[in-house]
Amino acid sequence: MAALRTSSTADLSPPSASAPAELTVGEVAARSGLAVSALHFYESKGLITAVRNAGNQRRYPRSILRRVAVIKVAQRMGVPLAGIAQALQALPQGRTPTAADWRRMSARWKDDLEERIRILEQLRDQLDGCIGCGCLSLKDCPLRNAQDKLAESGPGPHFEEAAAGPGATAEPEPAAATRPEWIWPQPRIKAPRRRAGKG
């Protein structure tokens, strides 16, 4: 079995004579499977950058294909664009990222991805039972969440509390402190309107 390459050389091999070093936006779209509009959106958010040729047309380095692939996979995993942009800031500007560059970037997501995997596995195991969402439509809802008691923990589902059941001794912590935003957005509290004073 061939040994895995562990050097910190560029991730993408130098393009051959038949593979152009720079790609048009249409070529990036065709190879990546993304719409041109999506690439323009990524560029507007600072996730990717292009240079302009003499005819003022966009040109991308071939290494952009890896960057776009990482963005696309991260979005599938539910990582918000702000989190993706923050991680991508660790990559160097002006040169093709090396394996070490990508390794440092991926380390930023490690804890978050592990937490996502844990919660997705818990959802998989509890999907046919009570998840503390307040529907009260399943047979074990009255046992796990009688009278929607878990509503006191905040909006959205409450997997851990529902799994523990009413016999759990520990009090559930506030949802905003324990549940990531990607699981269930926290409600926005509107500031009270100021009433104009009487003249």
N, C-alpha and C. Protein backbone atom coordinates (compact mmCIF):
# COMPACT_ATOMS: atom_id res chain seq x y z
N MET A 1 0.85 -1.20 0.00
CA MET A 1 0.00 0.00 0.00
C MET A 1 0.87 1.24 0.00
N ALA A 2 0.58 2.15 -0.88
CA ALA A 2 1.39 3.36 -0.97
C ALA A 2 1.20 4.23 0.25
N ALA A 3 2.31 4.82 0.69
CA ALA A 3 2.23 5.68 1.88
C ALA A 3 1.48 6.95 1.54
N LEU A 4 0.76 7.47 2.55
CA LEU A 4 0.03 8.71 2.35
C LEU A 4 0.99 9.87 2.30
N ARG A 5 0.72 10.83 1.45
CA ARG A 5 1.57 12.01 1.35
C ARG A 5 1.26 12.95 2.50
N THR A 6 2.26 13.24 3.32
CA THR A 6 2.05 14.08 4.50
C THR A 6 2.83 15.38 4.44
N SER A 7 3.50 15.64 3.34
CA SER A 7 4.27 16.87 3.23
C SER A 7 3.33 18.06 3.12
N SER A 8 3.86 19.23 3.36
CA SER A 8 3.04 20.46 3.33
C SER A 8 3.15 21.17 2.00
N THR A 9 3.33 20.39 0.93
CA THR A 9 3.34 20.98 -0.39
C THR A 9 1.94 21.33 -0.80
N ALA A 10 1.78 22.01 -1.92
CA ALA A 10 0.46 22.48 -2.35
C ALA A 10 -0.50 21.32 -2.50
N ASP A 11 -1.76 21.54 -2.12
CA ASP A 11 -2.77 20.50 -2.18
C ASP A 11 -3.04 20.06 -3.60
N LEU A 12 -3.05 21.00 -4.52
CA LEU A 12 -3.36 20.67 -5.90
C LEU A 12 -2.07 20.57 -6.69
N SER A 13 -1.91 19.50 -7.46
CA SER A 13 -0.74 19.36 -8.30
C SER A 13 -0.73 20.46 -9.35
N PRO A 14 0.47 20.87 -9.81
CA PRO A 14 0.52 21.91 -10.85
C PRO A 14 -0.27 21.47 -12.06
N PRO A 15 -1.07 22.35 -12.64
CA PRO A 15 -1.90 21.97 -13.77
C PRO A 15 -1.05 21.53 -14.95
N SER A 16 -1.53 20.54 -15.66
CA SER A 16 -0.83 20.06 -16.85
C SER A 16 -1.04 21.05 -17.98
N ALA A 17 -0.37 20.74 -19.11
CA ALA A 17 -0.48 21.66 -20.24
C ALA A 17 -1.91 21.77 -20.74
N SER A 18 -2.71 20.72 -20.53
CA SER A 18 -4.09 20.73 -21.00
C SER A 18 -5.06 21.30 -19.98
N ALA A 19 -4.60 21.55 -18.75
CA ALA A 19 -5.46 22.09 -17.70
C ALA A 19 -5.04 23.52 -17.41
N PRO A 20 -5.86 24.49 -17.72
CA PRO A 20 -5.47 25.89 -17.53
C PRO A 20 -5.27 26.24 -16.06
N ALA A 21 -4.31 27.11 -15.80
CA ALA A 21 -4.03 27.53 -14.42
C ALA A 21 -5.11 28.46 -13.90
N GLU A 22 -5.78 29.18 -14.81
CA GLU A 22 -6.85 30.08 -14.42
C GLU A 22 -8.15 29.64 -15.08
N LEU A 23 -9.25 29.84 -14.37
CA LEU A 23 -10.56 29.40 -14.86
C LEU A 23 -11.51 30.58 -14.94
N THR A 24 -12.39 30.53 -15.91
CA THR A 24 -13.47 31.51 -15.98
C THR A 24 -14.53 31.14 -14.96
N VAL A 25 -15.45 32.05 -14.71
CA VAL A 25 -16.52 31.76 -13.75
C VAL A 25 -17.39 30.62 -14.25
N GLY A 26 -17.58 30.53 -15.58
CA GLY A 26 -18.35 29.43 -16.13
C GLY A 26 -17.66 28.10 -15.95
N GLU A 27 -16.33 28.08 -16.08
CA GLU A 27 -15.57 26.84 -15.89
C GLU A 27 -15.59 26.39 -14.43
N VAL A 28 -15.49 27.35 -13.52
CA VAL A 28 -15.58 27.01 -12.09
C VAL A 28 -16.97 26.45 -11.78
N ALA A 29 -18.00 27.06 -12.33
CA ALA A 29 -19.37 26.60 -12.11
C ALA A 29 -19.55 25.18 -12.65
N ALA A 30 -19.04 24.93 -13.86
CA ALA A 30 -19.21 23.61 -14.47
C ALA A 30 -18.48 22.53 -13.69
N ARG A 31 -17.26 22.83 -13.21
CA ARG A 31 -16.47 21.82 -12.50
C ARG A 31 -16.94 21.61 -11.08
N SER A 32 -17.42 22.67 -10.42
CA SER A 32 -17.83 22.59 -9.01
C SER A 32 -19.28 22.16 -8.84
N GLY A 33 -20.10 22.33 -9.90
CA GLY A 33 -21.51 22.00 -9.78
C GLY A 33 -22.35 23.11 -9.17
N LEU A 34 -21.77 24.27 -8.99
CA LEU A 34 -22.49 25.42 -8.44
C LEU A 34 -22.93 26.35 -9.57
N ALA A 35 -24.01 27.05 -9.33
CA ALA A 35 -24.47 28.03 -10.31
C ALA A 35 -23.54 29.24 -10.29
N VAL A 36 -23.47 29.92 -11.41
CA VAL A 36 -22.66 31.14 -11.49
C VAL A 36 -23.13 32.15 -10.45
N SER A 37 -24.44 32.23 -10.25
CA SER A 37 -24.98 33.17 -9.26
C SER A 37 -24.49 32.84 -7.85
N ALA A 38 -24.32 31.55 -7.56
CA ALA A 38 -23.81 31.14 -6.24
C ALA A 38 -22.37 31.59 -6.06
N LEU A 39 -21.58 31.47 -7.13
CA LEU A 39 -20.19 31.91 -7.06
C LEU A 39 -20.11 33.42 -6.86
N HIS A 40 -20.98 34.15 -7.53
CA HIS A 40 -21.02 35.60 -7.34
C HIS A 40 -21.43 35.94 -5.90
N PHE A 41 -22.35 35.15 -5.36
CA PHE A 41 -22.78 35.36 -3.97
C PHE A 41 -21.62 35.11 -3.02
N TYR A 42 -20.88 34.00 -3.22
CA TYR A 42 -19.72 33.71 -2.38
C TYR A 42 -18.71 34.85 -2.45
N GLU A 43 -18.53 35.38 -3.65
CA GLU A 43 -17.57 36.48 -3.82
C GLU A 43 -18.05 37.73 -3.09
N SER A 44 -19.35 37.99 -3.13
CA SER A 44 -19.88 39.17 -2.45
C SER A 44 -19.74 39.06 -0.94
N LYS A 45 -19.67 37.83 -0.43
CA LYS A 45 -19.52 37.60 1.01
C LYS A 45 -18.05 37.46 1.42
N GLY A 46 -17.15 37.59 0.44
CA GLY A 46 -15.73 37.51 0.76
C GLY A 46 -15.21 36.10 0.94
N LEU A 47 -15.99 35.10 0.52
CA LEU A 47 -15.56 33.71 0.68
C LEU A 47 -14.57 33.31 -0.41
N ILE A 48 -14.69 33.87 -1.59
CA ILE A 48 -13.75 33.62 -2.68
C ILE A 48 -13.41 34.95 -3.33
N THR A 49 -12.30 34.99 -4.03
CA THR A 49 -11.91 36.21 -4.72
C THR A 49 -11.49 35.88 -6.15
N ALA A 50 -11.65 36.84 -7.03
CA ALA A 50 -11.26 36.69 -8.43
C ALA A 50 -10.40 37.87 -8.82
N VAL A 51 -9.67 37.68 -9.89
CA VAL A 51 -8.92 38.79 -10.48
C VAL A 51 -9.58 39.13 -11.82
N ARG A 52 -9.30 40.29 -12.32
CA ARG A 52 -9.86 40.72 -13.60
C ARG A 52 -8.76 40.73 -14.66
N ASN A 53 -9.08 40.18 -15.82
CA ASN A 53 -8.11 40.20 -16.90
C ASN A 53 -8.21 41.53 -17.67
N ALA A 54 -7.46 41.63 -18.75
CA ALA A 54 -7.45 42.88 -19.52
C ALA A 54 -8.82 43.24 -20.05
N GLY A 55 -9.66 42.24 -20.28
CA GLY A 55 -11.01 42.49 -20.76
C GLY A 55 -12.02 42.67 -19.64
N ASN A 56 -11.53 42.83 -18.39
CA ASN A 56 -12.37 43.03 -17.20
C ASN A 56 -13.27 41.83 -16.92
N GLN A 57 -12.80 40.62 -17.25
CA GLN A 57 -13.54 39.39 -16.98
C GLN A 57 -12.92 38.68 -15.77
N ARG A 58 -13.78 38.03 -15.00
CA ARG A 58 -13.30 37.32 -13.82
C ARG A 58 -12.42 36.14 -14.22
N ARG A 59 -11.34 35.95 -13.44
CA ARG A 59 -10.51 34.77 -13.58
C ARG A 59 -10.16 34.27 -12.18
N TYR A 60 -10.26 32.94 -12.01
CA TYR A 60 -10.00 32.33 -10.72
C TYR A 60 -8.81 31.38 -10.82
N PRO A 61 -7.97 31.29 -9.78
CA PRO A 61 -6.92 30.28 -9.79
C PRO A 61 -7.57 28.89 -9.68
N ARG A 62 -6.92 27.90 -10.24
CA ARG A 62 -7.50 26.56 -10.23
C ARG A 62 -7.73 26.03 -8.81
N SER A 63 -6.93 26.50 -7.87
CA SER A 63 -7.07 26.06 -6.48
C SER A 63 -8.40 26.50 -5.87
N ILE A 64 -9.12 27.41 -6.55
CA ILE A 64 -10.41 27.85 -6.02
C ILE A 64 -11.40 26.69 -5.95
N LEU A 65 -11.19 25.66 -6.75
CA LEU A 65 -12.11 24.51 -6.75
C LEU A 65 -12.14 23.82 -5.39
N ARG A 66 -10.98 23.72 -4.73
CA ARG A 66 -10.97 23.13 -3.39
C ARG A 66 -11.67 24.03 -2.40
N ARG A 67 -11.43 25.30 -2.48
CA ARG A 67 -12.06 26.27 -1.57
C ARG A 67 -13.58 26.21 -1.71
N VAL A 68 -14.07 26.19 -2.95
CA VAL A 68 -15.51 26.13 -3.20
C VAL A 68 -16.08 24.82 -2.69
N ALA A 69 -15.34 23.73 -2.87
CA ALA A 69 -15.82 22.43 -2.39
C ALA A 69 -15.96 22.41 -0.88
N VAL A 70 -14.98 23.01 -0.18
CA VAL A 70 -15.04 23.08 1.27
C VAL A 70 -16.24 23.90 1.73
N ILE A 71 -16.48 25.02 1.06
CA ILE A 71 -17.62 25.87 1.42
C ILE A 71 -18.92 25.10 1.24
N LYS A 72 -19.03 24.38 0.12
CA LYS A 72 -20.26 23.66 -0.19
C LYS A 72 -20.52 22.55 0.83
N VAL A 73 -19.48 21.78 1.18
CA VAL A 73 -19.64 20.70 2.15
C VAL A 73 -19.97 21.27 3.54
N ALA A 74 -19.30 22.36 3.91
CA ALA A 74 -19.56 22.98 5.20
C ALA A 74 -21.00 23.45 5.31
N GLN A 75 -21.53 24.01 4.22
CA GLN A 75 -22.93 24.43 4.22
C GLN A 75 -23.86 23.25 4.39
N ARG A 76 -23.53 22.12 3.74
CA ARG A 76 -24.35 20.91 3.90
C ARG A 76 -24.37 20.45 5.35
N MET A 77 -23.25 20.66 6.05
CA MET A 77 -23.16 20.27 7.45
C MET A 77 -23.85 21.26 8.37
N GLY A 78 -24.34 22.36 7.80
CA GLY A 78 -25.05 23.34 8.60
C GLY A 78 -24.19 24.43 9.18
N VAL A 79 -22.92 24.51 8.77
CA VAL A 79 -22.06 25.58 9.27
C VAL A 79 -22.52 26.89 8.64
N PRO A 80 -22.81 27.91 9.43
CA PRO A 80 -23.27 29.18 8.86
C PRO A 80 -22.17 29.85 8.06
N LEU A 81 -22.56 30.68 7.11
CA LEU A 81 -21.59 31.36 6.26
C LEU A 81 -20.60 32.19 7.07
N ALA A 82 -21.07 32.78 8.15
CA ALA A 82 -20.16 33.58 8.99
C ALA A 82 -19.06 32.71 9.57
N GLY A 83 -19.43 31.49 9.98
CA GLY A 83 -18.43 30.57 10.52
C GLY A 83 -17.46 30.09 9.46
N ILE A 84 -17.99 29.88 8.24
CA ILE A 84 -17.13 29.46 7.13
C ILE A 84 -16.14 30.58 6.80
N ALA A 85 -16.64 31.81 6.73
CA ALA A 85 -15.78 32.95 6.40
C ALA A 85 -14.69 33.12 7.45
N GLN A 86 -15.06 32.93 8.71
CA GLN A 86 -14.07 33.08 9.78
C GLN A 86 -12.97 32.04 9.66
N ALA A 87 -13.34 30.81 9.33
CA ALA A 87 -12.35 29.75 9.19
C ALA A 87 -11.46 29.99 7.97
N LEU A 88 -12.07 30.45 6.88
CA LEU A 88 -11.31 30.67 5.65
C LEU A 88 -10.30 31.80 5.78
N GLN A 89 -10.50 32.67 6.77
CA GLN A 89 -9.56 33.76 6.98
C GLN A 89 -8.19 33.25 7.39
N ALA A 90 -8.14 32.00 7.88
CA ALA A 90 -6.86 31.42 8.28
C ALA A 90 -6.02 31.01 7.08
N LEU A 91 -6.64 30.91 5.90
CA LEU A 91 -5.91 30.52 4.70
C LEU A 91 -5.15 31.71 4.14
N PRO A 92 -4.00 31.46 3.53
CA PRO A 92 -3.19 32.56 3.01
C PRO A 92 -3.81 33.19 1.78
N GLN A 93 -3.55 34.45 1.62
CA GLN A 93 -4.00 35.17 0.44
C GLN A 93 -2.86 35.23 -0.58
N GLY A 94 -3.18 35.05 -1.83
CA GLY A 94 -2.18 35.22 -2.87
C GLY A 94 -1.38 33.99 -3.21
N ARG A 95 -1.60 32.87 -2.55
CA ARG A 95 -0.92 31.64 -2.93
C ARG A 95 -1.84 30.45 -2.69
N THR A 96 -1.50 29.34 -3.32
CA THR A 96 -2.30 28.12 -3.15
C THR A 96 -2.10 27.59 -1.73
N PRO A 97 -3.18 27.35 -0.97
CA PRO A 97 -3.03 26.82 0.39
C PRO A 97 -2.36 25.45 0.39
N THR A 98 -1.55 25.21 1.39
CA THR A 98 -0.88 23.93 1.54
C THR A 98 -1.73 23.01 2.42
N ALA A 99 -1.28 21.76 2.54
CA ALA A 99 -1.99 20.81 3.41
C ALA A 99 -2.00 21.32 4.85
N ALA A 100 -0.91 21.92 5.28
CA ALA A 100 -0.85 22.45 6.65
C ALA A 100 -1.85 23.59 6.83
N ASP A 101 -2.00 24.42 5.80
CA ASP A 101 -2.98 25.51 5.87
C ASP A 101 -4.38 24.97 6.08
N TRP A 102 -4.75 23.95 5.29
CA TRP A 102 -6.08 23.37 5.40
C TRP A 102 -6.27 22.69 6.75
N ARG A 103 -5.19 22.09 7.27
CA ARG A 103 -5.27 21.40 8.56
C ARG A 103 -5.57 22.40 9.67
N ARG A 104 -4.90 23.54 9.62
CA ARG A 104 -5.16 24.57 10.64
C ARG A 104 -6.59 25.08 10.55
N MET A 105 -7.09 25.25 9.33
CA MET A 105 -8.45 25.73 9.16
C MET A 105 -9.47 24.72 9.69
N SER A 106 -9.27 23.45 9.37
CA SER A 106 -10.22 22.42 9.79
C SER A 106 -10.25 22.28 11.31
N ALA A 107 -9.14 22.60 11.97
CA ALA A 107 -9.10 22.50 13.43
C ALA A 107 -10.09 23.47 14.07
N ARG A 108 -10.40 24.56 13.37
CA ARG A 108 -11.36 25.53 13.91
C ARG A 108 -12.77 24.93 14.00
N TRP A 109 -13.06 23.97 13.12
CA TRP A 109 -14.41 23.39 13.09
C TRP A 109 -14.53 22.11 13.90
N LYS A 110 -13.43 21.58 14.39
CA LYS A 110 -13.44 20.24 14.98
C LYS A 110 -14.47 20.12 16.10
N ASP A 111 -14.40 20.98 17.10
CA ASP A 111 -15.32 20.88 18.25
C ASP A 111 -16.76 21.07 17.82
N ASP A 112 -17.00 22.04 16.93
CA ASP A 112 -18.35 22.31 16.48
C ASP A 112 -18.92 21.12 15.71
N LEU A 113 -18.11 20.52 14.83
CA LEU A 113 -18.58 19.38 14.04
C LEU A 113 -18.84 18.18 14.93
N GLU A 114 -18.00 17.96 15.94
CA GLU A 114 -18.22 16.84 16.86
C GLU A 114 -19.52 17.02 17.63
N GLU A 115 -19.83 18.26 18.00
CA GLU A 115 -21.09 18.52 18.69
C GLU A 115 -22.27 18.30 17.76
N ARG A 116 -22.14 18.67 16.49
CA ARG A 116 -23.20 18.43 15.52
C ARG A 116 -23.44 16.93 15.34
N ILE A 117 -22.36 16.17 15.24
CA ILE A 117 -22.48 14.72 15.09
C ILE A 117 -23.19 14.12 16.29
N ARG A 118 -22.81 14.57 17.49
CA ARG A 118 -23.43 14.05 18.72
C ARG A 118 -24.94 14.32 18.73
N ILE A 119 -25.34 15.53 18.38
CA ILE A 119 -26.75 15.89 18.41
C ILE A 119 -27.52 15.18 17.30
N LEU A 120 -26.91 15.04 16.11
CA LEU A 120 -27.57 14.32 15.02
C LEU A 120 -27.76 12.85 15.37
N GLU A 121 -26.77 12.25 16.03
CA GLU A 121 -26.92 10.85 16.46
C GLU A 121 -28.01 10.72 17.51
N GLN A 122 -28.10 11.71 18.39
CA GLN A 122 -29.15 11.68 19.41
C GLN A 122 -30.52 11.84 18.76
N LEU A 123 -30.62 12.72 17.78
CA LEU A 123 -31.89 12.90 17.07
C LEU A 123 -32.27 11.60 16.36
N ARG A 124 -31.28 10.95 15.72
CA ARG A 124 -31.54 9.68 15.04
C ARG A 124 -32.10 8.65 16.01
N ASP A 125 -31.53 8.58 17.20
CA ASP A 125 -31.95 7.56 18.17
C ASP A 125 -33.28 7.90 18.83
N GLN A 126 -33.63 9.19 18.85
CA GLN A 126 -34.86 9.61 19.53
C GLN A 126 -35.97 10.00 18.57
N LEU A 127 -35.75 9.89 17.28
CA LEU A 127 -36.71 10.45 16.32
C LEU A 127 -38.08 9.80 16.42
N ASP A 128 -38.13 8.53 16.84
CA ASP A 128 -39.42 7.85 16.96
C ASP A 128 -40.02 8.01 18.35
N GLY A 129 -39.40 8.86 19.17
CA GLY A 129 -39.92 9.09 20.52
C GLY A 129 -39.98 10.57 20.82
N CYS A 130 -40.17 10.89 22.08
CA CYS A 130 -40.31 12.29 22.50
C CYS A 130 -38.96 13.00 22.40
N ILE A 131 -38.96 14.17 21.79
CA ILE A 131 -37.76 14.99 21.72
C ILE A 131 -37.95 16.33 22.44
N GLY A 132 -39.02 16.43 23.18
CA GLY A 132 -39.25 17.64 23.97
C GLY A 132 -39.61 18.85 23.15
N CYS A 133 -40.33 18.63 22.02
CA CYS A 133 -40.67 19.76 21.14
C CYS A 133 -42.01 20.39 21.50
N GLY A 134 -42.80 19.72 22.34
CA GLY A 134 -44.09 20.27 22.75
C GLY A 134 -45.26 19.80 21.95
N CYS A 135 -45.05 18.85 20.99
CA CYS A 135 -46.18 18.39 20.17
C CYS A 135 -47.16 17.56 20.97
N LEU A 136 -46.67 16.78 21.96
CA LEU A 136 -47.50 15.92 22.82
C LEU A 136 -48.35 14.94 22.00
N SER A 137 -47.82 14.51 20.84
CA SER A 137 -48.60 13.65 19.95
C SER A 137 -48.21 12.18 20.00
N LEU A 138 -47.11 11.85 20.67
CA LEU A 138 -46.66 10.46 20.75
C LEU A 138 -47.00 9.87 22.11
N LYS A 139 -46.98 8.54 22.17
CA LYS A 139 -47.38 7.87 23.40
C LYS A 139 -46.48 8.20 24.58
N ASP A 140 -45.18 8.39 24.31
CA ASP A 140 -44.29 8.65 25.44
C ASP A 140 -44.16 10.13 25.78
N CYS A 141 -44.85 11.00 25.03
CA CYS A 141 -44.79 12.43 25.36
C CYS A 141 -45.32 12.73 26.76
N PRO A 142 -46.46 12.14 27.18
CA PRO A 142 -46.92 12.41 28.54
C PRO A 142 -45.95 11.96 29.61
N LEU A 143 -45.12 10.94 29.30
CA LEU A 143 -44.14 10.45 30.27
C LEU A 143 -42.89 11.32 30.29
N ARG A 144 -42.46 11.73 29.11
CA ARG A 144 -41.21 12.49 29.00
C ARG A 144 -41.40 13.99 29.16
N ASN A 145 -42.58 14.48 28.77
CA ASN A 145 -42.81 15.92 28.74
C ASN A 145 -44.26 16.22 29.10
N ALA A 146 -44.64 15.83 30.28
CA ALA A 146 -46.03 15.99 30.72
C ALA A 146 -46.44 17.45 30.70
N GLN A 147 -47.58 17.71 30.06
CA GLN A 147 -48.13 19.07 29.98
C GLN A 147 -47.11 20.07 29.42
N ASP A 148 -46.23 19.57 28.56
CA ASP A 148 -45.18 20.40 27.94
C ASP A 148 -44.40 21.18 28.99
N LYS A 149 -43.99 20.47 30.02
CA LYS A 149 -43.20 21.09 31.08
C LYS A 149 -41.88 21.66 30.57
N LEU A 150 -41.35 21.03 29.51
CA LEU A 150 -40.05 21.46 28.99
C LEU A 150 -40.10 22.82 28.30
N ALA A 151 -41.29 23.36 28.08
CA ALA A 151 -41.39 24.70 27.51
C ALA A 151 -40.72 25.73 28.41
N GLU A 152 -40.62 25.39 29.71
CA GLU A 152 -39.98 26.30 30.65
C GLU A 152 -38.48 26.45 30.37
N SER A 153 -37.90 25.47 29.62
CA SER A 153 -36.47 25.53 29.29
C SER A 153 -36.18 26.40 28.09
N GLY A 154 -37.23 26.92 27.44
CA GLY A 154 -37.02 27.77 26.27
C GLY A 154 -37.66 27.17 25.03
N PRO A 155 -37.64 27.91 23.92
CA PRO A 155 -38.27 27.44 22.68
C PRO A 155 -37.48 26.31 22.04
N GLY A 156 -38.16 25.57 21.16
CA GLY A 156 -37.49 24.52 20.40
C GLY A 156 -37.47 23.18 21.15
N PRO A 157 -36.89 22.15 20.53
CA PRO A 157 -36.83 20.82 21.15
C PRO A 157 -35.80 20.76 22.26
N HIS A 158 -35.94 19.77 23.13
CA HIS A 158 -35.02 19.57 24.26
C HIS A 158 -34.71 18.08 24.35
N PHE A 159 -33.71 17.65 23.58
CA PHE A 159 -33.40 16.24 23.46
C PHE A 159 -32.96 15.62 24.80
N GLU A 160 -31.97 16.24 25.43
CA GLU A 160 -31.41 15.65 26.64
C GLU A 160 -32.44 15.52 27.75
N GLU A 161 -33.22 16.60 27.94
CA GLU A 161 -34.21 16.58 29.02
C GLU A 161 -35.29 15.55 28.76
N ALA A 162 -35.72 15.43 27.49
CA ALA A 162 -36.75 14.45 27.15
C ALA A 162 -36.24 13.04 27.33
N ALA A 163 -34.97 12.80 26.97
CA ALA A 163 -34.39 11.46 27.13
C ALA A 163 -34.27 11.10 28.60
N ALA A 164 -33.92 12.10 29.43
CA ALA A 164 -33.76 11.83 30.86
C ALA A 164 -35.09 11.53 31.53
N GLY A 165 -36.17 12.18 31.05
CA GLY A 165 -37.48 11.92 31.63
C GLY A 165 -37.69 12.68 32.92
N PRO A 166 -38.89 12.56 33.51
CA PRO A 166 -39.22 13.32 34.71
C PRO A 166 -38.45 12.90 35.94
N GLY A 167 -37.83 11.71 35.91
CA GLY A 167 -37.08 11.25 37.08
C GLY A 167 -35.69 11.83 37.19
N ALA A 168 -35.26 12.63 36.22
CA ALA A 168 -33.91 13.19 36.25
C ALA A 168 -33.79 14.15 37.41
N THR A 169 -32.66 14.11 38.09
CA THR A 169 -32.46 14.96 39.25
C THR A 169 -31.91 16.33 38.88
N ALA A 170 -31.14 16.37 37.80
CA ALA A 170 -30.53 17.65 37.42
C ALA A 170 -31.55 18.56 36.76
N GLU A 171 -31.50 19.80 37.13
CA GLU A 171 -32.38 20.78 36.51
C GLU A 171 -31.82 21.13 35.13
N PRO A 172 -32.68 21.19 34.10
CA PRO A 172 -32.17 21.57 32.77
C PRO A 172 -31.66 22.99 32.76
N GLU A 173 -30.52 23.19 32.08
CA GLU A 173 -29.96 24.53 31.98
C GLU A 173 -30.73 25.33 30.94
N PRO A 174 -30.64 26.64 31.01
CA PRO A 174 -31.34 27.47 30.01
C PRO A 174 -30.89 27.10 28.61
N ALA A 175 -31.86 27.04 27.68
CA ALA A 175 -31.56 26.58 26.33
C ALA A 175 -30.54 27.46 25.64
N ALA A 176 -30.60 28.76 25.86
CA ALA A 176 -29.69 29.67 25.17
C ALA A 176 -28.25 29.41 25.55
N ALA A 177 -28.01 28.82 26.75
CA ALA A 177 -26.65 28.59 27.20
C ALA A 177 -26.10 27.26 26.74
N THR A 178 -26.97 26.33 26.35
CA THR A 178 -26.50 24.99 26.05
C THR A 178 -26.71 24.57 24.60
N ARG A 179 -27.67 25.15 23.91
CA ARG A 179 -27.98 24.69 22.56
C ARG A 179 -27.42 25.65 21.53
N PRO A 180 -26.60 25.15 20.59
CA PRO A 180 -26.04 26.03 19.56
C PRO A 180 -27.14 26.68 18.73
N GLU A 181 -26.82 27.83 18.17
CA GLU A 181 -27.79 28.59 17.38
C GLU A 181 -28.30 27.78 16.18
N TRP A 182 -27.43 26.90 15.62
CA TRP A 182 -27.84 26.17 14.43
C TRP A 182 -28.90 25.12 14.75
N ILE A 183 -29.04 24.72 16.01
CA ILE A 183 -30.06 23.74 16.39
C ILE A 183 -31.44 24.39 16.39
N TRP A 184 -31.52 25.54 17.02
CA TRP A 184 -32.80 26.24 17.07
C TRP A 184 -32.52 27.71 17.35
N PRO A 185 -32.86 28.59 16.40
CA PRO A 185 -32.55 30.01 16.60
C PRO A 185 -33.23 30.55 17.84
N GLN A 186 -32.50 31.32 18.60
CA GLN A 186 -33.06 31.92 19.79
C GLN A 186 -33.99 33.07 19.39
N PRO A 187 -35.07 33.27 20.14
CA PRO A 187 -36.01 34.33 19.79
C PRO A 187 -35.38 35.71 19.93
N ARG A 188 -35.71 36.57 19.00
CA ARG A 188 -35.23 37.94 19.08
C ARG A 188 -36.15 38.76 19.97
N ILE A 189 -35.55 39.40 20.95
CA ILE A 189 -36.32 40.20 21.89
C ILE A 189 -36.41 41.63 21.35
N LYS A 190 -37.61 42.07 21.09
CA LYS A 190 -37.80 43.41 20.56
C LYS A 190 -37.70 44.44 21.69
N ALA A 191 -36.97 45.49 21.42
CA ALA A 191 -36.85 46.56 22.41
C ALA A 191 -38.18 47.28 22.53
N PRO A 192 -38.58 47.59 23.75
CA PRO A 192 -39.86 48.31 23.93
C PRO A 192 -39.82 49.68 23.29
N ARG A 193 -40.91 50.05 22.66
CA ARG A 193 -40.99 51.35 22.04
C ARG A 193 -41.18 52.45 23.08
N ARG A 194 -40.47 53.52 22.85
CA ARG A 194 -40.60 54.64 23.78
C ARG A 194 -41.83 55.47 23.41
N ARG A 195 -42.60 55.74 24.40
CA ARG A 195 -43.79 56.58 24.17
C ARG A 195 -43.42 58.05 24.26
N ALA A 196 -43.92 58.78 23.31
CA ALA A 196 -43.65 60.23 23.31
C ALA A 196 -44.31 60.87 24.52
N GLY A 197 -43.58 61.74 25.16
CA GLY A 197 -44.12 62.41 26.34
C GLY A 197 -45.24 63.38 25.97
N LYS A 198 -46.12 63.54 26.88
CA LYS A 198 -47.23 64.47 26.66
C LYS A 198 -46.76 65.92 26.76
N GLY A 199 -47.19 66.73 25.80
CA GLY A 199 -46.77 68.13 25.79
C GLY A 199 -47.60 68.98 26.73
